[in-house]
Amino acid sequence: MLKKSVLVFSGSPMITPLIYRALSDENIYPIVKDEAESARLAGFGINSFDQKIFVNKKQEKKALEIINSLNL
């Protein structure tokens, strides 16, 4: 992950699309990291199904405000 990116969410794949859409609507384009899917595609197994959302460091404050306003 780029050093200019910061983690703003880690959790359920059911919630990730909601956050992704809310951020995209505000012109913040997040990076979603899904280690379970990456492992599956590579032929490995993984126990964690959490997904992680990263945004540009400059957009961190606004992204966290948006995520907190969703009350998830």
PDB file of N, CA and C in Angstrom:
ATOM      1  N   MET A   1       0.850  -1.177   0.000  1.00  0.00           N
ATOM      2  CA  MET A   1       0.000   0.000   0.000  1.00  0.00           C
ATOM      3  C   MET A   1       0.892   1.236   0.000  1.00  0.00           C
ATOM      4  N   LEU A   2       0.486   2.220  -0.730  1.00  0.00           N
ATOM      5  CA  LEU A   2       1.264   3.453  -0.806  1.00  0.00           C
ATOM      6  C   LEU A   2       1.322   4.152   0.537  1.00  0.00           C
ATOM      7  N   LYS A   3       2.419   4.826   0.806  1.00  0.00           N
ATOM      8  CA  LYS A   3       2.550   5.548   2.070  1.00  0.00           C
ATOM      9  C   LYS A   3       1.615   6.748   2.122  1.00  0.00           C
ATOM     10  N   LYS A   4       1.078   7.135   0.982  1.00  0.00           N
ATOM     11  CA  LYS A   4       0.139   8.247   0.940  1.00  0.00           C
ATOM     12  C   LYS A   4      -1.273   7.799   1.284  1.00  0.00           C
ATOM     13  N   SER A   5      -1.472   6.496   1.461  1.00  0.00           N
ATOM     14  CA  SER A   5      -2.784   5.953   1.786  1.00  0.00           C
ATOM     15  C   SER A   5      -2.851   5.595   3.264  1.00  0.00           C
ATOM     16  N   VAL A   6      -4.031   5.804   3.846  1.00  0.00           N
ATOM     17  CA  VAL A   6      -4.235   5.469   5.255  1.00  0.00           C
ATOM     18  C   VAL A   6      -5.493   4.612   5.397  1.00  0.00           C
ATOM     19  N   LEU A   7      -5.468   3.723   6.369  1.00  0.00           N
ATOM     20  CA  LEU A   7      -6.598   2.847   6.651  1.00  0.00           C
ATOM     21  C   LEU A   7      -7.690   3.646   7.355  1.00  0.00           C
ATOM     22  N   VAL A   8      -8.920   3.596   6.820  1.00  0.00           N
ATOM     23  CA  VAL A   8     -10.033   4.292   7.466  1.00  0.00           C
ATOM     24  C   VAL A   8     -11.134   3.334   7.906  1.00  0.00           C
ATOM     25  N   PHE A   9     -11.093   2.086   7.415  1.00  0.00           N
ATOM     26  CA  PHE A   9     -12.109   1.106   7.805  1.00  0.00           C
ATOM     27  C   PHE A   9     -11.560  -0.295   7.626  1.00  0.00           C
ATOM     28  N   SER A  10     -11.906  -1.156   8.551  1.00  0.00           N
ATOM     29  CA  SER A  10     -11.607  -2.576   8.442  1.00  0.00           C
ATOM     30  C   SER A  10     -12.798  -3.314   9.024  1.00  0.00           C
ATOM     31  N   GLY A  11     -13.416  -4.164   8.214  1.00  0.00           N
ATOM     32  CA  GLY A  11     -14.581  -4.865   8.720  1.00  0.00           C
ATOM     33  C   GLY A  11     -15.287  -5.707   7.676  1.00  0.00           C
ATOM     34  N   SER A  12     -16.545  -5.918   7.919  1.00  0.00           N
ATOM     35  CA  SER A  12     -17.376  -6.826   7.145  1.00  0.00           C
ATOM     36  C   SER A  12     -17.485  -6.457   5.668  1.00  0.00           C
ATOM     37  N   PRO A  13     -17.416  -7.472   4.802  1.00  0.00           N
ATOM     38  CA  PRO A  13     -17.629  -7.235   3.374  1.00  0.00           C
ATOM     39  C   PRO A  13     -19.053  -6.780   3.060  1.00  0.00           C
ATOM     40  N   MET A  14     -19.968  -6.926   4.001  1.00  0.00           N
ATOM     41  CA  MET A  14     -21.342  -6.461   3.800  1.00  0.00           C
ATOM     42  C   MET A  14     -21.432  -4.944   3.934  1.00  0.00           C
ATOM     43  N   ILE A  15     -20.565  -4.348   4.738  1.00  0.00           N
ATOM     44  CA  ILE A  15     -20.597  -2.906   4.992  1.00  0.00           C
ATOM     45  C   ILE A  15     -19.689  -2.146   4.032  1.00  0.00           C
ATOM     46  N   THR A  16     -18.655  -2.798   3.562  1.00  0.00           N
ATOM     47  CA  THR A  16     -17.670  -2.145   2.696  1.00  0.00           C
ATOM     48  C   THR A  16     -18.289  -1.436   1.493  1.00  0.00           C
ATOM     49  N   PRO A  17     -19.230  -2.059   0.750  1.00  0.00           N
ATOM     50  CA  PRO A  17     -19.810  -1.348  -0.405  1.00  0.00           C
ATOM     51  C   PRO A  17     -20.579  -0.084  -0.018  1.00  0.00           C
ATOM     52  N   LEU A  18     -21.196  -0.094   1.158  1.00  0.00           N
ATOM     53  CA  LEU A  18     -21.925   1.097   1.618  1.00  0.00           C
ATOM     54  C   LEU A  18     -20.967   2.255   1.854  1.00  0.00           C
ATOM     55  N   ILE A  19     -19.855   1.955   2.498  1.00  0.00           N
ATOM     56  CA  ILE A  19     -18.847   2.981   2.766  1.00  0.00           C
ATOM     57  C   ILE A  19     -18.196   3.431   1.465  1.00  0.00           C
ATOM     58  N   TYR A  20     -17.880   2.478   0.603  1.00  0.00           N
ATOM     59  CA  TYR A  20     -17.266   2.800  -0.691  1.00  0.00           C
ATOM     60  C   TYR A  20     -18.144   3.777  -1.471  1.00  0.00           C
ATOM     61  N   ARG A  21     -19.437   3.491  -1.513  1.00  0.00           N
ATOM     62  CA  ARG A  21     -20.376   4.349  -2.255  1.00  0.00           C
ATOM     63  C   ARG A  21     -20.473   5.739  -1.625  1.00  0.00           C
ATOM     64  N   ALA A  22     -20.563   5.796  -0.303  1.00  0.00           N
ATOM     65  CA  ALA A  22     -20.662   7.085   0.387  1.00  0.00           C
ATOM     66  C   ALA A  22     -19.422   7.936   0.134  1.00  0.00           C
ATOM     67  N   LEU A  23     -18.259   7.324   0.162  1.00  0.00           N
ATOM     68  CA  LEU A  23     -17.022   8.061  -0.097  1.00  0.00           C
ATOM     69  C   LEU A  23     -16.947   8.494  -1.562  1.00  0.00           C
ATOM     70  N   SER A  24     -17.312   7.610  -2.466  1.00  0.00           N
ATOM     71  CA  SER A  24     -17.276   7.933  -3.898  1.00  0.00           C
ATOM     72  C   SER A  24     -18.220   9.081  -4.233  1.00  0.00           C
ATOM     73  N   ASP A  25     -19.371   9.119  -3.570  1.00  0.00           N
ATOM     74  CA  ASP A  25     -20.332  10.206  -3.792  1.00  0.00           C
ATOM     75  C   ASP A  25     -19.752  11.563  -3.408  1.00  0.00           C
ATOM     76  N   GLU A  26     -18.763  11.558  -2.520  1.00  0.00           N
ATOM     77  CA  GLU A  26     -18.113  12.794  -2.077  1.00  0.00           C
ATOM     78  C   GLU A  26     -16.762  13.001  -2.764  1.00  0.00           C
ATOM     79  N   ASN A  27     -16.573  12.332  -3.886  1.00  0.00           N
ATOM     80  CA  ASN A  27     -15.341  12.447  -4.681  1.00  0.00           C
ATOM     81  C   ASN A  27     -14.090  11.995  -3.935  1.00  0.00           C
ATOM     82  N   ILE A  28     -14.262  11.020  -3.066  1.00  0.00           N
ATOM     83  CA  ILE A  28     -13.135  10.352  -2.418  1.00  0.00           C
ATOM     84  C   ILE A  28     -13.140   8.937  -2.972  1.00  0.00           C
ATOM     85  N   TYR A  29     -12.074   8.571  -3.654  1.00  0.00           N
ATOM     86  CA  TYR A  29     -12.038   7.272  -4.313  1.00  0.00           C
ATOM     87  C   TYR A  29     -11.140   6.317  -3.535  1.00  0.00           C
ATOM     88  N   PRO A  30     -11.771   5.454  -2.720  1.00  0.00           N
ATOM     89  CA  PRO A  30     -11.016   4.570  -1.835  1.00  0.00           C
ATOM     90  C   PRO A  30     -10.431   3.358  -2.556  1.00  0.00           C
ATOM     91  N   ILE A  31      -9.474   2.752  -1.888  1.00  0.00           N
ATOM     92  CA  ILE A  31      -8.883   1.490  -2.329  1.00  0.00           C
ATOM     93  C   ILE A  31      -9.390   0.423  -1.371  1.00  0.00           C
ATOM     94  N   VAL A  32     -10.001  -0.626  -1.904  1.00  0.00           N
ATOM     95  CA  VAL A  32     -10.495  -1.721  -1.075  1.00  0.00           C
ATOM     96  C   VAL A  32      -9.516  -2.881  -1.174  1.00  0.00           C
ATOM     97  N   LYS A  33      -9.067  -3.333  -0.023  1.00  0.00           N
ATOM     98  CA  LYS A  33      -8.138  -4.465   0.034  1.00  0.00           C
ATOM     99  C   LYS A  33      -8.882  -5.655   0.632  1.00  0.00           C
ATOM    100  N   ASP A  34      -8.971  -6.717  -0.136  1.00  0.00           N
ATOM    101  CA  ASP A  34      -9.668  -7.929   0.289  1.00  0.00           C
ATOM    102  C   ASP A  34      -8.673  -9.085   0.277  1.00  0.00           C
ATOM    103  N   GLU A  35      -8.049  -9.324   1.415  1.00  0.00           N
ATOM    104  CA  GLU A  35      -7.019 -10.360   1.501  1.00  0.00           C
ATOM    105  C   GLU A  35      -7.586 -11.757   1.280  1.00  0.00           C
ATOM    106  N   ALA A  36      -8.828 -11.995   1.694  1.00  0.00           N
ATOM    107  CA  ALA A  36      -9.433 -13.313   1.507  1.00  0.00           C
ATOM    108  C   ALA A  36      -9.617 -13.610   0.023  1.00  0.00           C
ATOM    109  N   GLU A  37     -10.100 -12.638  -0.735  1.00  0.00           N
ATOM    110  CA  GLU A  37     -10.295 -12.831  -2.174  1.00  0.00           C
ATOM    111  C   GLU A  37      -8.955 -12.988  -2.885  1.00  0.00           C
ATOM    112  N   SER A  38      -7.983 -12.203  -2.489  1.00  0.00           N
ATOM    113  CA  SER A  38      -6.647 -12.322  -3.084  1.00  0.00           C
ATOM    114  C   SER A  38      -6.057 -13.701  -2.817  1.00  0.00           C
ATOM    115  N   ALA A  39      -6.232 -14.192  -1.604  1.00  0.00           N
ATOM    116  CA  ALA A  39      -5.722 -15.518  -1.253  1.00  0.00           C
ATOM    117  C   ALA A  39      -6.454 -16.603  -2.035  1.00  0.00           C
ATOM    118  N   ARG A  40      -7.764 -16.458  -2.171  1.00  0.00           N
ATOM    119  CA  ARG A  40      -8.553 -17.442  -2.920  1.00  0.00           C
ATOM    120  C   ARG A  40      -8.093 -17.507  -4.372  1.00  0.00           C
ATOM    121  N   LEU A  41      -7.896 -16.348  -4.976  1.00  0.00           N
ATOM    122  CA  LEU A  41      -7.466 -16.306  -6.372  1.00  0.00           C
ATOM    123  C   LEU A  41      -6.070 -16.900  -6.559  1.00  0.00           C
ATOM    124  N   ALA A  42      -5.244 -16.795  -5.533  1.00  0.00           N
ATOM    125  CA  ALA A  42      -3.888 -17.341  -5.605  1.00  0.00           C
ATOM    126  C   ALA A  42      -3.839 -18.819  -5.223  1.00  0.00           C
ATOM    127  N   GLY A  43      -4.973 -19.365  -4.771  1.00  0.00           N
ATOM    128  CA  GLY A  43      -5.019 -20.773  -4.407  1.00  0.00           C
ATOM    129  C   GLY A  43      -4.703 -21.061  -2.958  1.00  0.00           C
ATOM    130  N   PHE A  44      -4.722 -20.039  -2.123  1.00  0.00           N
ATOM    131  CA  PHE A  44      -4.449 -20.207  -0.701  1.00  0.00           C
ATOM    132  C   PHE A  44      -5.728 -20.003   0.095  1.00  0.00           C
ATOM    133  N   GLY A  45      -5.677 -20.336   1.355  1.00  0.00           N
ATOM    134  CA  GLY A  45      -6.798 -20.107   2.248  1.00  0.00           C
ATOM    135  C   GLY A  45      -6.444 -19.054   3.276  1.00  0.00           C
ATOM    136  N   ILE A  46      -7.456 -18.405   3.808  1.00  0.00           N
ATOM    137  CA  ILE A  46      -7.243 -17.396   4.852  1.00  0.00           C
ATOM    138  C   ILE A  46      -8.465 -17.414   5.761  1.00  0.00           C
ATOM    139  N   ASN A  47      -8.269 -17.175   7.039  1.00  0.00           N
ATOM    140  CA  ASN A  47      -9.366 -17.223   8.000  1.00  0.00           C
ATOM    141  C   ASN A  47     -10.111 -15.910   8.132  1.00  0.00           C
ATOM    142  N   SER A  48      -9.485 -14.825   7.810  1.00  0.00           N
ATOM    143  CA  SER A  48     -10.104 -13.514   7.977  1.00  0.00           C
ATOM    144  C   SER A  48     -10.854 -13.119   6.710  1.00  0.00           C
ATOM    145  N   PHE A  49     -12.082 -12.685   6.880  1.00  0.00           N
ATOM    146  CA  PHE A  49     -12.865 -12.236   5.737  1.00  0.00           C
ATOM    147  C   PHE A  49     -13.060 -10.726   5.748  1.00  0.00           C
ATOM    148  N   ASP A  50     -12.355 -10.033   6.640  1.00  0.00           N
ATOM    149  CA  ASP A  50     -12.464  -8.578   6.711  1.00  0.00           C
ATOM    150  C   ASP A  50     -11.900  -7.927   5.453  1.00  0.00           C
ATOM    151  N   GLN A  51     -12.504  -6.810   5.103  1.00  0.00           N
ATOM    152  CA  GLN A  51     -11.986  -5.994   4.016  1.00  0.00           C
ATOM    153  C   GLN A  51     -11.485  -4.694   4.619  1.00  0.00           C
ATOM    154  N   LYS A  52     -10.517  -4.089   3.953  1.00  0.00           N
ATOM    155  CA  LYS A  52      -9.940  -2.838   4.433  1.00  0.00           C
ATOM    156  C   LYS A  52     -10.140  -1.761   3.381  1.00  0.00           C
ATOM    157  N   ILE A  53     -10.442  -0.560   3.855  1.00  0.00           N
ATOM    158  CA  ILE A  53     -10.608   0.580   2.958  1.00  0.00           C
ATOM    159  C   ILE A  53      -9.533   1.602   3.283  1.00  0.00           C
ATOM    160  N   PHE A  54      -8.807   2.003   2.253  1.00  0.00           N
ATOM    161  CA  PHE A  54      -7.755   3.005   2.363  1.00  0.00           C
ATOM    162  C   PHE A  54      -8.135   4.223   1.530  1.00  0.00           C
ATOM    163  N   VAL A  55      -7.744   5.402   2.003  1.00  0.00           N
ATOM    164  CA  VAL A  55      -7.932   6.635   1.238  1.00  0.00           C
ATOM    165  C   VAL A  55      -6.623   7.417   1.249  1.00  0.00           C
ATOM    166  N   ASN A  56      -6.555   8.404   0.390  1.00  0.00           N
ATOM    167  CA  ASN A  56      -5.404   9.293   0.355  1.00  0.00           C
ATOM    168  C   ASN A  56      -5.291  10.002   1.695  1.00  0.00           C
ATOM    169  N   LYS A  57      -4.078  10.149   2.180  1.00  0.00           N
ATOM    170  CA  LYS A  57      -3.831  10.770   3.485  1.00  0.00           C
ATOM    171  C   LYS A  57      -4.477  12.156   3.590  1.00  0.00           C
ATOM    172  N   LYS A  58      -4.503  12.900   2.497  1.00  0.00           N
ATOM    173  CA  LYS A  58      -5.081  14.246   2.500  1.00  0.00           C
ATOM    174  C   LYS A  58      -6.595  14.224   2.687  1.00  0.00           C
ATOM    175  N   GLN A  59      -7.230  13.088   2.402  1.00  0.00           N
ATOM    176  CA  GLN A  59      -8.685  12.980   2.501  1.00  0.00           C
ATOM    177  C   GLN A  59      -9.135  12.204   3.737  1.00  0.00           C
ATOM    178  N   GLU A  60      -8.199  11.870   4.596  1.00  0.00           N
ATOM    179  CA  GLU A  60      -8.509  11.039   5.761  1.00  0.00           C
ATOM    180  C   GLU A  60      -9.577  11.655   6.662  1.00  0.00           C
ATOM    181  N   LYS A  61      -9.426  12.907   7.024  1.00  0.00           N
ATOM    182  CA  LYS A  61     -10.363  13.551   7.950  1.00  0.00           C
ATOM    183  C   LYS A  61     -11.782  13.550   7.387  1.00  0.00           C
ATOM    184  N   LYS A  62     -11.927  13.953   6.143  1.00  0.00           N
ATOM    185  CA  LYS A  62     -13.253  13.987   5.517  1.00  0.00           C
ATOM    186  C   LYS A  62     -13.836  12.579   5.402  1.00  0.00           C
ATOM    187  N   ALA A  63     -13.005  11.607   5.048  1.00  0.00           N
ATOM    188  CA  ALA A  63     -13.467  10.223   4.919  1.00  0.00           C
ATOM    189  C   ALA A  63     -13.972   9.689   6.256  1.00  0.00           C
ATOM    190  N   LEU A  64     -13.245   9.949   7.327  1.00  0.00           N
ATOM    191  CA  LEU A  64     -13.669   9.482   8.649  1.00  0.00           C
ATOM    192  C   LEU A  64     -14.967  10.146   9.083  1.00  0.00           C
ATOM    193  N   GLU A  65     -15.144  11.421   8.754  1.00  0.00           N
ATOM    194  CA  GLU A  65     -16.396  12.112   9.065  1.00  0.00           C
ATOM    195  C   GLU A  65     -17.565  11.457   8.336  1.00  0.00           C
ATOM    196  N   ILE A  66     -17.364  11.126   7.074  1.00  0.00           N
ATOM    197  CA  ILE A  66     -18.413  10.484   6.279  1.00  0.00           C
ATOM    198  C   ILE A  66     -18.746   9.110   6.848  1.00  0.00           C
ATOM    199  N   ILE A  67     -17.723   8.331   7.159  1.00  0.00           N
ATOM    200  CA  ILE A  67     -17.942   6.987   7.703  1.00  0.00           C
ATOM    201  C   ILE A  67     -18.678   7.064   9.039  1.00  0.00           C
ATOM    202  N   ASN A  68     -18.280   7.979   9.907  1.00  0.00           N
ATOM    203  CA  ASN A  68     -18.940   8.122  11.209  1.00  0.00           C
ATOM    204  C   ASN A  68     -20.382   8.587  11.070  1.00  0.00           C
ATOM    205  N   SER A  69     -20.674   9.381  10.044  1.00  0.00           N
ATOM    206  CA  SER A  69     -22.039   9.875   9.845  1.00  0.00           C
ATOM    207  C   SER A  69     -22.985   8.773   9.368  1.00  0.00           C
ATOM    208  N   LEU A  70     -22.445   7.669   8.877  1.00  0.00           N
ATOM    209  CA  LEU A  70     -23.282   6.563   8.401  1.00  0.00           C
ATOM    210  C   LEU A  70     -23.902   5.768   9.549  1.00  0.00           C
ATOM    211  N   ASN A  71     -23.377   5.900  10.752  1.00  0.00           N
ATOM    212  CA  ASN A  71     -23.881   5.189  11.938  1.00  0.00           C
ATOM    213  C   ASN A  71     -23.971   3.678  11.719  1.00  0.00           C
ATOM    214  N   LEU A  72     -22.918   3.100  11.229  1.00  0.00           N
ATOM    215  CA  LEU A  72     -22.903   1.647  10.978  1.00  0.00           C
ATOM    216  C   LEU A  72     -22.388   0.899  12.181  1.00  0.00           C
TER     217      LEU A  72
END
